Amino acid sequence: MIQKLQRETRLVLEDPREVAQELESATLEAEHLLLAVARRRGTVGQRLLEKLGLGEAELRDAVAADFTQSLAAVGIRLADFDLPLSGGLARTPRGVHRRSWRSSG
């Protein structure tokens, strides 16, 4: 069991960078690790998340909602900005946020 967990841990720890790149994120965040765990089918972590009703799609939605609520707390609404939502940007609010700052300056 220990060897299986060690192998799964190595696999899951390789995935967050790939998730961040897919989502066009300039930084590696905790949500990328969580999404990597949810993505790695058949692992102990993925099965546990599924039992809790947290598949990859649900986690992406939760991350997006959290980001939106964080912006709202300081008076920013993404809907107030005319931002293109294409490619990887449509999948991550952080990607939209970073792209908007790059394009404005």
PDB file of N, CA and C in Angstrom:
ATOM      1  N   MET A   1       0.820  -1.199   0.000  1.00  0.00           N
ATOM      2  CA  MET A   1       0.000   0.000   0.000  1.00  0.00           C
ATOM      3  C   MET A   1       0.865   1.264   0.000  1.00  0.00           C
ATOM      4  N   ILE A   2       1.934   1.269   0.800  1.00  0.00           N
ATOM      5  CA  ILE A   2       2.820   2.431   0.876  1.00  0.00           C
ATOM      6  C   ILE A   2       3.452   2.703  -0.484  1.00  0.00           C
ATOM      7  N   GLN A   3       3.923   1.655  -1.156  1.00  0.00           N
ATOM      8  CA  GLN A   3       4.542   1.843  -2.467  1.00  0.00           C
ATOM      9  C   GLN A   3       3.542   2.400  -3.474  1.00  0.00           C
ATOM     10  N   LYS A   4       2.303   1.929  -3.417  1.00  0.00           N
ATOM     11  CA  LYS A   4       1.278   2.431  -4.329  1.00  0.00           C
ATOM     12  C   LYS A   4       1.034   3.918  -4.073  1.00  0.00           C
ATOM     13  N   LEU A   5       0.941   4.321  -2.822  1.00  0.00           N
ATOM     14  CA  LEU A   5       0.740   5.730  -2.483  1.00  0.00           C
ATOM     15  C   LEU A   5       1.926   6.575  -2.938  1.00  0.00           C
ATOM     16  N   GLN A   6       3.131   6.074  -2.770  1.00  0.00           N
ATOM     17  CA  GLN A   6       4.314   6.823  -3.203  1.00  0.00           C
ATOM     18  C   GLN A   6       4.305   7.015  -4.714  1.00  0.00           C
ATOM     19  N   ARG A   7       3.949   5.979  -5.461  1.00  0.00           N
ATOM     20  CA  ARG A   7       3.891   6.078  -6.922  1.00  0.00           C
ATOM     21  C   ARG A   7       2.810   7.070  -7.334  1.00  0.00           C
ATOM     22  N   GLU A   8       1.633   6.977  -6.709  1.00  0.00           N
ATOM     23  CA  GLU A   8       0.544   7.901  -7.024  1.00  0.00           C
ATOM     24  C   GLU A   8       0.922   9.333  -6.680  1.00  0.00           C
ATOM     25  N   THR A   9       1.608   9.525  -5.572  1.00  0.00           N
ATOM     26  CA  THR A   9       2.029  10.863  -5.169  1.00  0.00           C
ATOM     27  C   THR A   9       2.971  11.463  -6.197  1.00  0.00           C
ATOM     28  N   ARG A  10       3.933  10.685  -6.662  1.00  0.00           N
ATOM     29  CA  ARG A  10       4.856  11.178  -7.691  1.00  0.00           C
ATOM     30  C   ARG A  10       4.097  11.576  -8.956  1.00  0.00           C
ATOM     31  N   LEU A  11       3.151  10.743  -9.363  1.00  0.00           N
ATOM     32  CA  LEU A  11       2.381  11.046 -10.569  1.00  0.00           C
ATOM     33  C   LEU A  11       1.569  12.327 -10.406  1.00  0.00           C
ATOM     34  N   VAL A  12       0.898  12.451  -9.276  1.00  0.00           N
ATOM     35  CA  VAL A  12       0.049  13.617  -9.045  1.00  0.00           C
ATOM     36  C   VAL A  12       0.883  14.889  -8.922  1.00  0.00           C
ATOM     37  N   LEU A  13       2.068  14.800  -8.369  1.00  0.00           N
ATOM     38  CA  LEU A  13       2.907  15.989  -8.212  1.00  0.00           C
ATOM     39  C   LEU A  13       3.502  16.462  -9.537  1.00  0.00           C
ATOM     40  N   GLU A  14       3.497  15.621 -10.545  1.00  0.00           N
ATOM     41  CA  GLU A  14       3.962  16.035 -11.868  1.00  0.00           C
ATOM     42  C   GLU A  14       2.887  16.808 -12.625  1.00  0.00           C
ATOM     43  N   ASP A  15       1.638  16.584 -12.305  1.00  0.00           N
ATOM     44  CA  ASP A  15       0.522  17.128 -13.075  1.00  0.00           C
ATOM     45  C   ASP A  15       0.178  18.604 -12.851  1.00  0.00           C
ATOM     46  N   PRO A  16       0.382  19.187 -11.669  1.00  0.00           N
ATOM     47  CA  PRO A  16      -0.046  20.575 -11.466  1.00  0.00           C
ATOM     48  C   PRO A  16       0.564  21.571 -12.448  1.00  0.00           C
ATOM     49  N   ARG A  17       1.807  21.377 -12.803  1.00  0.00           N
ATOM     50  CA  ARG A  17       2.444  22.289 -13.768  1.00  0.00           C
ATOM     51  C   ARG A  17       1.721  22.208 -15.111  1.00  0.00           C
ATOM     52  N   GLU A  18       1.375  21.002 -15.525  1.00  0.00           N
ATOM     53  CA  GLU A  18       0.639  20.815 -16.773  1.00  0.00           C
ATOM     54  C   GLU A  18      -0.730  21.491 -16.703  1.00  0.00           C
ATOM     55  N   VAL A  19      -1.414  21.346 -15.571  1.00  0.00           N
ATOM     56  CA  VAL A  19      -2.724  21.980 -15.386  1.00  0.00           C
ATOM     57  C   VAL A  19      -2.573  23.496 -15.477  1.00  0.00           C
ATOM     58  N   ALA A  20      -1.579  24.053 -14.812  1.00  0.00           N
ATOM     59  CA  ALA A  20      -1.358  25.502 -14.839  1.00  0.00           C
ATOM     60  C   ALA A  20      -1.088  25.984 -16.264  1.00  0.00           C
ATOM     61  N   GLN A  21      -0.302  25.234 -17.012  1.00  0.00           N
ATOM     62  CA  GLN A  21      -0.015  25.618 -18.396  1.00  0.00           C
ATOM     63  C   GLN A  21      -1.275  25.571 -19.248  1.00  0.00           C
ATOM     64  N   GLU A  22      -2.081  24.536 -19.082  1.00  0.00           N
ATOM     65  CA  GLU A  22      -3.329  24.424 -19.833  1.00  0.00           C
ATOM     66  C   GLU A  22      -4.258  25.601 -19.547  1.00  0.00           C
ATOM     67  N   LEU A  23      -4.229  26.062 -18.306  1.00  0.00           N
ATOM     68  CA  LEU A  23      -5.105  27.153 -17.894  1.00  0.00           C
ATOM     69  C   LEU A  23      -4.446  28.524 -18.095  1.00  0.00           C
ATOM     70  N   GLU A  24      -3.299  28.512 -18.734  1.00  0.00           N
ATOM     71  CA  GLU A  24      -2.566  29.735 -19.047  1.00  0.00           C
ATOM     72  C   GLU A  24      -2.275  30.571 -17.800  1.00  0.00           C
ATOM     73  N   SER A  25      -1.913  29.893 -16.732  1.00  0.00           N
ATOM     74  CA  SER A  25      -1.576  30.558 -15.487  1.00  0.00           C
ATOM     75  C   SER A  25      -0.065  30.778 -15.426  1.00  0.00           C
ATOM     76  N   ALA A  26       0.338  31.962 -15.040  1.00  0.00           N
ATOM     77  CA  ALA A  26       1.758  32.296 -14.933  1.00  0.00           C
ATOM     78  C   ALA A  26       2.390  31.715 -13.672  1.00  0.00           C
ATOM     79  N   THR A  27       1.561  31.311 -12.730  1.00  0.00           N
ATOM     80  CA  THR A  27       2.068  30.770 -11.470  1.00  0.00           C
ATOM     81  C   THR A  27       1.410  29.432 -11.179  1.00  0.00           C
ATOM     82  N   LEU A  28       2.057  28.665 -10.341  1.00  0.00           N
ATOM     83  CA  LEU A  28       1.535  27.379  -9.902  1.00  0.00           C
ATOM     84  C   LEU A  28       0.808  27.608  -8.579  1.00  0.00           C
ATOM     85  N   GLU A  29      -0.473  27.318  -8.562  1.00  0.00           N
ATOM     86  CA  GLU A  29      -1.306  27.596  -7.397  1.00  0.00           C
ATOM     87  C   GLU A  29      -1.820  26.293  -6.774  1.00  0.00           C
ATOM     88  N   ALA A  30      -2.331  26.393  -5.559  1.00  0.00           N
ATOM     89  CA  ALA A  30      -2.882  25.226  -4.865  1.00  0.00           C
ATOM     90  C   ALA A  30      -4.018  24.594  -5.664  1.00  0.00           C
ATOM     91  N   GLU A  31      -4.803  25.422  -6.353  1.00  0.00           N
ATOM     92  CA  GLU A  31      -5.914  24.865  -7.123  1.00  0.00           C
ATOM     93  C   GLU A  31      -5.428  23.969  -8.260  1.00  0.00           C
ATOM     94  N   HIS A  32      -4.221  24.212  -8.768  1.00  0.00           N
ATOM     95  CA  HIS A  32      -3.676  23.363  -9.820  1.00  0.00           C
ATOM     96  C   HIS A  32      -3.355  21.976  -9.266  1.00  0.00           C
ATOM     97  N   LEU A  33      -2.855  21.928  -8.035  1.00  0.00           N
ATOM     98  CA  LEU A  33      -2.599  20.642  -7.382  1.00  0.00           C
ATOM     99  C   LEU A  33      -3.912  19.899  -7.153  1.00  0.00           C
ATOM    100  N   LEU A  34      -4.910  20.603  -6.654  1.00  0.00           N
ATOM    101  CA  LEU A  34      -6.205  19.973  -6.399  1.00  0.00           C
ATOM    102  C   LEU A  34      -6.827  19.444  -7.691  1.00  0.00           C
ATOM    103  N   LEU A  35      -6.761  20.225  -8.754  1.00  0.00           N
ATOM    104  CA  LEU A  35      -7.280  19.770 -10.042  1.00  0.00           C
ATOM    105  C   LEU A  35      -6.481  18.584 -10.576  1.00  0.00           C
ATOM    106  N   ALA A  36      -5.179  18.574 -10.327  1.00  0.00           N
ATOM    107  CA  ALA A  36      -4.345  17.448 -10.756  1.00  0.00           C
ATOM    108  C   ALA A  36      -4.732  16.169 -10.028  1.00  0.00           C
ATOM    109  N   VAL A  37      -5.017  16.282  -8.735  1.00  0.00           N
ATOM    110  CA  VAL A  37      -5.455  15.117  -7.960  1.00  0.00           C
ATOM    111  C   VAL A  37      -6.783  14.605  -8.519  1.00  0.00           C
ATOM    112  N   ALA A  38      -7.704  15.504  -8.790  1.00  0.00           N
ATOM    113  CA  ALA A  38      -9.016  15.103  -9.313  1.00  0.00           C
ATOM    114  C   ALA A  38      -8.906  14.485 -10.698  1.00  0.00           C
ATOM    115  N   ARG A  39      -7.937  14.911 -11.466  1.00  0.00           N
ATOM    116  CA  ARG A  39      -7.761  14.439 -12.845  1.00  0.00           C
ATOM    117  C   ARG A  39      -7.158  13.041 -12.915  1.00  0.00           C
ATOM    118  N   ARG A  40      -6.313  12.693 -11.956  1.00  0.00           N
ATOM    119  CA  ARG A  40      -5.559  11.437 -12.005  1.00  0.00           C
ATOM    120  C   ARG A  40      -6.471  10.273 -11.592  1.00  0.00           C
ATOM    121  N   ARG A  41      -7.183   9.719 -12.561  1.00  0.00           N
ATOM    122  CA  ARG A  41      -8.181   8.666 -12.336  1.00  0.00           C
ATOM    123  C   ARG A  41      -7.594   7.446 -11.641  1.00  0.00           C
ATOM    124  N   GLY A  42      -8.360   6.925 -10.697  1.00  0.00           N
ATOM    125  CA  GLY A  42      -7.996   5.689 -10.019  1.00  0.00           C
ATOM    126  C   GLY A  42      -7.078   5.856  -8.831  1.00  0.00           C
ATOM    127  N   THR A  43      -6.623   7.085  -8.549  1.00  0.00           N
ATOM    128  CA  THR A  43      -5.754   7.275  -7.394  1.00  0.00           C
ATOM    129  C   THR A  43      -6.602   7.392  -6.128  1.00  0.00           C
ATOM    130  N   VAL A  44      -5.949   7.211  -4.999  1.00  0.00           N
ATOM    131  CA  VAL A  44      -6.649   7.313  -3.721  1.00  0.00           C
ATOM    132  C   VAL A  44      -7.278   8.702  -3.580  1.00  0.00           C
ATOM    133  N   GLY A  45      -6.516   9.742  -3.907  1.00  0.00           N
ATOM    134  CA  GLY A  45      -7.022  11.109  -3.786  1.00  0.00           C
ATOM    135  C   GLY A  45      -8.212  11.366  -4.686  1.00  0.00           C
ATOM    136  N   GLN A  46      -8.142  10.915  -5.928  1.00  0.00           N
ATOM    137  CA  GLN A  46      -9.242  11.121  -6.873  1.00  0.00           C
ATOM    138  C   GLN A  46     -10.497  10.394  -6.407  1.00  0.00           C
ATOM    139  N   ARG A  47     -10.331   9.178  -5.931  1.00  0.00           N
ATOM    140  CA  ARG A  47     -11.498   8.415  -5.447  1.00  0.00           C
ATOM    141  C   ARG A  47     -12.117   9.092  -4.226  1.00  0.00           C
ATOM    142  N   LEU A  48     -11.292   9.611  -3.343  1.00  0.00           N
ATOM    143  CA  LEU A  48     -11.792  10.311  -2.162  1.00  0.00           C
ATOM    144  C   LEU A  48     -12.562  11.570  -2.571  1.00  0.00           C
ATOM    145  N   LEU A  49     -12.003  12.348  -3.484  1.00  0.00           N
ATOM    146  CA  LEU A  49     -12.696  13.550  -3.960  1.00  0.00           C
ATOM    147  C   LEU A  49     -14.031  13.194  -4.611  1.00  0.00           C
ATOM    148  N   GLU A  50     -14.048  12.135  -5.418  1.00  0.00           N
ATOM    149  CA  GLU A  50     -15.289  11.693  -6.061  1.00  0.00           C
ATOM    150  C   GLU A  50     -16.336  11.306  -5.025  1.00  0.00           C
ATOM    151  N   LYS A  51     -15.922  10.603  -3.973  1.00  0.00           N
ATOM    152  CA  LYS A  51     -16.862  10.220  -2.909  1.00  0.00           C
ATOM    153  C   LYS A  51     -17.467  11.453  -2.246  1.00  0.00           C
ATOM    154  N   LEU A  52     -16.728  12.543  -2.230  1.00  0.00           N
ATOM    155  CA  LEU A  52     -17.213  13.795  -1.652  1.00  0.00           C
ATOM    156  C   LEU A  52     -17.995  14.628  -2.660  1.00  0.00           C
ATOM    157  N   GLY A  53     -18.141  14.089  -3.875  1.00  0.00           N
ATOM    158  CA  GLY A  53     -18.873  14.803  -4.917  1.00  0.00           C
ATOM    159  C   GLY A  53     -18.049  15.878  -5.598  1.00  0.00           C
ATOM    160  N   LEU A  54     -16.733  15.736  -5.544  1.00  0.00           N
ATOM    161  CA  LEU A  54     -15.835  16.744  -6.102  1.00  0.00           C
ATOM    162  C   LEU A  54     -15.006  16.171  -7.245  1.00  0.00           C
ATOM    163  N   GLY A  55     -15.632  16.083  -8.402  1.00  0.00           N
ATOM    164  CA  GLY A  55     -14.895  15.702  -9.596  1.00  0.00           C
ATOM    165  C   GLY A  55     -14.173  16.909 -10.147  1.00  0.00           C
ATOM    166  N   GLU A  56     -13.445  16.707 -11.232  1.00  0.00           N
ATOM    167  CA  GLU A  56     -12.671  17.801 -11.820  1.00  0.00           C
ATOM    168  C   GLU A  56     -13.571  18.965 -12.229  1.00  0.00           C
ATOM    169  N   ALA A  57     -14.709  18.681 -12.834  1.00  0.00           N
ATOM    170  CA  ALA A  57     -15.613  19.756 -13.279  1.00  0.00           C
ATOM    171  C   ALA A  57     -16.154  20.549 -12.090  1.00  0.00           C
ATOM    172  N   GLU A  58     -16.528  19.863 -11.029  1.00  0.00           N
ATOM    173  CA  GLU A  58     -17.040  20.549  -9.844  1.00  0.00           C
ATOM    174  C   GLU A  58     -15.966  21.424  -9.200  1.00  0.00           C
ATOM    175  N   LEU A  59     -14.739  20.923  -9.182  1.00  0.00           N
ATOM    176  CA  LEU A  59     -13.646  21.707  -8.606  1.00  0.00           C
ATOM    177  C   LEU A  59     -13.335  22.934  -9.452  1.00  0.00           C
ATOM    178  N   ARG A  60     -13.371  22.797 -10.765  1.00  0.00           N
ATOM    179  CA  ARG A  60     -13.144  23.962 -11.637  1.00  0.00           C
ATOM    180  C   ARG A  60     -14.218  25.018 -11.386  1.00  0.00           C
ATOM    181  N   ASP A  61     -15.467  24.569 -11.255  1.00  0.00           N
ATOM    182  CA  ASP A  61     -16.556  25.505 -10.978  1.00  0.00           C
ATOM    183  C   ASP A  61     -16.359  26.198  -9.632  1.00  0.00           C
ATOM    184  N   ALA A  62     -15.923  25.435  -8.639  1.00  0.00           N
ATOM    185  CA  ALA A  62     -15.711  26.001  -7.302  1.00  0.00           C
ATOM    186  C   ALA A  62     -14.574  27.026  -7.311  1.00  0.00           C
ATOM    187  N   VAL A  63     -13.506  26.731  -8.024  1.00  0.00           N
ATOM    188  CA  VAL A  63     -12.379  27.670  -8.129  1.00  0.00           C
ATOM    189  C   VAL A  63     -12.834  28.956  -8.816  1.00  0.00           C
ATOM    190  N   ALA A  64     -13.598  28.811  -9.889  1.00  0.00           N
ATOM    191  CA  ALA A  64     -14.102  29.979 -10.610  1.00  0.00           C
ATOM    192  C   ALA A  64     -15.014  30.816  -9.719  1.00  0.00           C
ATOM    193  N   ALA A  65     -15.894  30.152  -8.966  1.00  0.00           N
ATOM    194  CA  ALA A  65     -16.811  30.872  -8.072  1.00  0.00           C
ATOM    195  C   ALA A  65     -16.037  31.593  -6.975  1.00  0.00           C
ATOM    196  N   ASP A  66     -15.028  30.932  -6.417  1.00  0.00           N
ATOM    197  CA  ASP A  66     -14.215  31.553  -5.375  1.00  0.00           C
ATOM    198  C   ASP A  66     -13.510  32.795  -5.901  1.00  0.00           C
ATOM    199  N   PHE A  67     -12.958  32.695  -7.096  1.00  0.00           N
ATOM    200  CA  PHE A  67     -12.266  33.830  -7.699  1.00  0.00           C
ATOM    201  C   PHE A  67     -13.234  34.987  -7.933  1.00  0.00           C
ATOM    202  N   THR A  68     -14.388  34.680  -8.466  1.00  0.00           N
ATOM    203  CA  THR A  68     -15.400  35.703  -8.728  1.00  0.00           C
ATOM    204  C   THR A  68     -15.832  36.383  -7.430  1.00  0.00           C
ATOM    205  N   GLN A  69     -16.034  35.589  -6.368  1.00  0.00           N
ATOM    206  CA  GLN A  69     -16.435  36.148  -5.073  1.00  0.00           C
ATOM    207  C   GLN A  69     -15.319  37.010  -4.472  1.00  0.00           C
ATOM    208  N   SER A  70     -14.073  36.595  -4.663  1.00  0.00           N
ATOM    209  CA  SER A  70     -12.941  37.384  -4.156  1.00  0.00           C
ATOM    210  C   SER A  70     -12.883  38.745  -4.831  1.00  0.00           C
ATOM    211  N   LEU A  71     -13.085  38.769  -6.141  1.00  0.00           N
ATOM    212  CA  LEU A  71     -13.105  40.043  -6.856  1.00  0.00           C
ATOM    213  C   LEU A  71     -14.289  40.900  -6.402  1.00  0.00           C
ATOM    214  N   ALA A  72     -15.445  40.277  -6.241  1.00  0.00           N
ATOM    215  CA  ALA A  72     -16.642  41.003  -5.821  1.00  0.00           C
ATOM    216  C   ALA A  72     -16.446  41.653  -4.450  1.00  0.00           C
ATOM    217  N   ALA A  73     -15.677  41.007  -3.591  1.00  0.00           N
ATOM    218  CA  ALA A  73     -15.427  41.548  -2.255  1.00  0.00           C
ATOM    219  C   ALA A  73     -14.712  42.895  -2.298  1.00  0.00           C
ATOM    220  N   VAL A  74     -13.986  43.145  -3.383  1.00  0.00           N
ATOM    221  CA  VAL A  74     -13.303  44.429  -3.532  1.00  0.00           C
ATOM    222  C   VAL A  74     -13.947  45.283  -4.621  1.00  0.00           C
ATOM    223  N   GLY A  75     -15.169  44.909  -4.999  1.00  0.00           N
ATOM    224  CA  GLY A  75     -15.940  45.727  -5.925  1.00  0.00           C
ATOM    225  C   GLY A  75     -15.663  45.525  -7.405  1.00  0.00           C
ATOM    226  N   ILE A  76     -15.088  44.400  -7.772  1.00  0.00           N
ATOM    227  CA  ILE A  76     -14.796  44.127  -9.180  1.00  0.00           C
ATOM    228  C   ILE A  76     -15.705  43.006  -9.667  1.00  0.00           C
ATOM    229  N   ARG A  77     -16.342  43.247 -10.819  1.00  0.00           N
ATOM    230  CA  ARG A  77     -17.170  42.219 -11.454  1.00  0.00           C
ATOM    231  C   ARG A  77     -16.581  41.917 -12.832  1.00  0.00           C
ATOM    232  N   LEU A  78     -16.287  40.652 -13.093  1.00  0.00           N
ATOM    233  CA  LEU A  78     -15.750  40.276 -14.399  1.00  0.00           C
ATOM    234  C   LEU A  78     -16.709  40.653 -15.521  1.00  0.00           C
ATOM    235  N   ALA A  79     -17.995  40.630 -15.243  1.00  0.00           N
ATOM    236  CA  ALA A  79     -19.003  40.963 -16.257  1.00  0.00           C
ATOM    237  C   ALA A  79     -18.894  42.418 -16.714  1.00  0.00           C
ATOM    238  N   ASP A  80     -18.247  43.268 -15.931  1.00  0.00           N
ATOM    239  CA  ASP A  80     -18.092  44.673 -16.291  1.00  0.00           C
ATOM    240  C   ASP A  80     -16.994  44.904 -17.325  1.00  0.00           C
ATOM    241  N   PHE A  81     -16.229  43.876 -17.636  1.00  0.00           N
ATOM    242  CA  PHE A  81     -15.121  44.004 -18.568  1.00  0.00           C
ATOM    243  C   PHE A  81     -15.423  43.237 -19.836  1.00  0.00           C
ATOM    244  N   ASP A  82     -15.046  43.788 -20.953  1.00  0.00           N
ATOM    245  CA  ASP A  82     -15.241  43.139 -22.238  1.00  0.00           C
ATOM    246  C   ASP A  82     -13.985  42.339 -22.558  1.00  0.00           C
ATOM    247  N   LEU A  83     -13.941  41.114 -22.034  1.00  0.00           N
ATOM    248  CA  LEU A  83     -12.763  40.278 -22.207  1.00  0.00           C
ATOM    249  C   LEU A  83     -13.082  39.089 -23.099  1.00  0.00           C
ATOM    250  N   PRO A  84     -12.199  38.761 -24.024  1.00  0.00           N
ATOM    251  CA  PRO A  84     -12.428  37.582 -24.854  1.00  0.00           C
ATOM    252  C   PRO A  84     -12.227  36.325 -24.022  1.00  0.00           C
ATOM    253  N   LEU A  85     -13.151  35.401 -24.123  1.00  0.00           N
ATOM    254  CA  LEU A  85     -13.053  34.142 -23.402  1.00  0.00           C
ATOM    255  C   LEU A  85     -12.846  33.026 -24.414  1.00  0.00           C
ATOM    256  N   SER A  86     -11.618  32.841 -24.823  1.00  0.00           N
ATOM    257  CA  SER A  86     -11.331  31.800 -25.797  1.00  0.00           C
ATOM    258  C   SER A  86     -10.162  30.966 -25.327  1.00  0.00           C
ATOM    259  N   GLY A  87     -10.052  29.784 -25.872  1.00  0.00           N
ATOM    260  CA  GLY A  87      -8.951  28.892 -25.533  1.00  0.00           C
ATOM    261  C   GLY A  87      -8.910  28.593 -24.058  1.00  0.00           C
ATOM    262  N   GLY A  88      -7.718  28.627 -23.463  1.00  0.00           N
ATOM    263  CA  GLY A  88      -7.540  28.323 -22.059  1.00  0.00           C
ATOM    264  C   GLY A  88      -8.172  29.342 -21.141  1.00  0.00           C
ATOM    265  N   LEU A  89      -8.380  30.554 -21.646  1.00  0.00           N
ATOM    266  CA  LEU A  89      -8.928  31.597 -20.790  1.00  0.00           C
ATOM    267  C   LEU A  89     -10.341  31.284 -20.340  1.00  0.00           C
ATOM    268  N   ALA A  90     -11.097  30.589 -21.148  1.00  0.00           N
ATOM    269  CA  ALA A  90     -12.476  30.271 -20.787  1.00  0.00           C
ATOM    270  C   ALA A  90     -12.524  29.278 -19.637  1.00  0.00           C
ATOM    271  N   ARG A  91     -11.421  28.610 -19.380  1.00  0.00           N
ATOM    272  CA  ARG A  91     -11.415  27.580 -18.355  1.00  0.00           C
ATOM    273  C   ARG A  91     -10.934  28.062 -17.005  1.00  0.00           C
ATOM    274  N   THR A  92     -10.397  29.267 -16.907  1.00  0.00           N
ATOM    275  CA  THR A  92      -9.869  29.722 -15.625  1.00  0.00           C
ATOM    276  C   THR A  92     -10.038  31.221 -15.451  1.00  0.00           C
ATOM    277  N   PRO A  93     -10.659  31.622 -14.374  1.00  0.00           N
ATOM    278  CA  PRO A  93     -10.787  33.054 -14.145  1.00  0.00           C
ATOM    279  C   PRO A  93      -9.431  33.708 -13.908  1.00  0.00           C
ATOM    280  N   ARG A  94      -8.468  32.994 -13.358  1.00  0.00           N
ATOM    281  CA  ARG A  94      -7.142  33.582 -13.146  1.00  0.00           C
ATOM    282  C   ARG A  94      -6.509  33.922 -14.483  1.00  0.00           C
ATOM    283  N   GLY A  95      -6.693  33.065 -15.486  1.00  0.00           N
ATOM    284  CA  GLY A  95      -6.162  33.345 -16.812  1.00  0.00           C
ATOM    285  C   GLY A  95      -6.775  34.596 -17.390  1.00  0.00           C
ATOM    286  N   VAL A  96      -8.066  34.773 -17.207  1.00  0.00           N
ATOM    287  CA  VAL A  96      -8.746  35.970 -17.684  1.00  0.00           C
ATOM    288  C   VAL A  96      -8.192  37.181 -16.967  1.00  0.00           C
ATOM    289  N   HIS A  97      -8.030  37.077 -15.660  1.00  0.00           N
ATOM    290  CA  HIS A  97      -7.520  38.175 -14.852  1.00  0.00           C
ATOM    291  C   HIS A  97      -6.119  38.571 -15.318  1.00  0.00           C
ATOM    292  N   ARG A  98      -5.239  37.612 -15.480  1.00  0.00           N
ATOM    293  CA  ARG A  98      -3.874  37.931 -15.881  1.00  0.00           C
ATOM    294  C   ARG A  98      -3.836  38.511 -17.288  1.00  0.00           C
ATOM    295  N   ARG A  99      -4.615  37.954 -18.186  1.00  0.00           N
ATOM    296  CA  ARG A  99      -4.628  38.457 -19.558  1.00  0.00           C
ATOM    297  C   ARG A  99      -5.122  39.884 -19.578  1.00  0.00           C
ATOM    298  N   SER A 100      -6.122  40.210 -18.744  1.00  0.00           N
ATOM    299  CA  SER A 100      -6.658  41.559 -18.756  1.00  0.00           C
ATOM    300  C   SER A 100      -5.606  42.570 -18.295  1.00  0.00           C
ATOM    301  N   TRP A 101      -4.772  42.202 -17.337  1.00  0.00           N
ATOM    302  CA  TRP A 101      -3.740  43.119 -16.886  1.00  0.00           C
ATOM    303  C   TRP A 101      -2.660  43.286 -17.931  1.00  0.00           C
ATOM    304  N   ARG A 102      -2.288  42.210 -18.616  1.00  0.00           N
ATOM    305  CA  ARG A 102      -1.254  42.295 -19.648  1.00  0.00           C
ATOM    306  C   ARG A 102      -1.717  43.156 -20.807  1.00  0.00           C
ATOM    307  N   SER A 103      -2.977  43.041 -21.183  1.00  0.00           N
ATOM    308  CA  SER A 103      -3.447  43.765 -22.358  1.00  0.00           C
ATOM    309  C   SER A 103      -3.672  45.255 -22.063  1.00  0.00           C
ATOM    310  N   SER A 104      -3.809  45.629 -20.791  1.00  0.00           N
ATOM    311  CA  SER A 104      -4.089  47.022 -20.478  1.00  0.00           C
ATOM    312  C   SER A 104      -2.826  47.847 -20.274  1.00  0.00           C
ATOM    313  N   GLY A 105      -1.693  47.221 -20.213  1.00  0.00           N
ATOM    314  CA  GLY A 105      -0.498  48.013 -19.925  1.00  0.00           C
ATOM    315  C   GLY A 105       0.573  47.649 -20.820  1.00  0.00           C
TER     316      GLY A 105
END
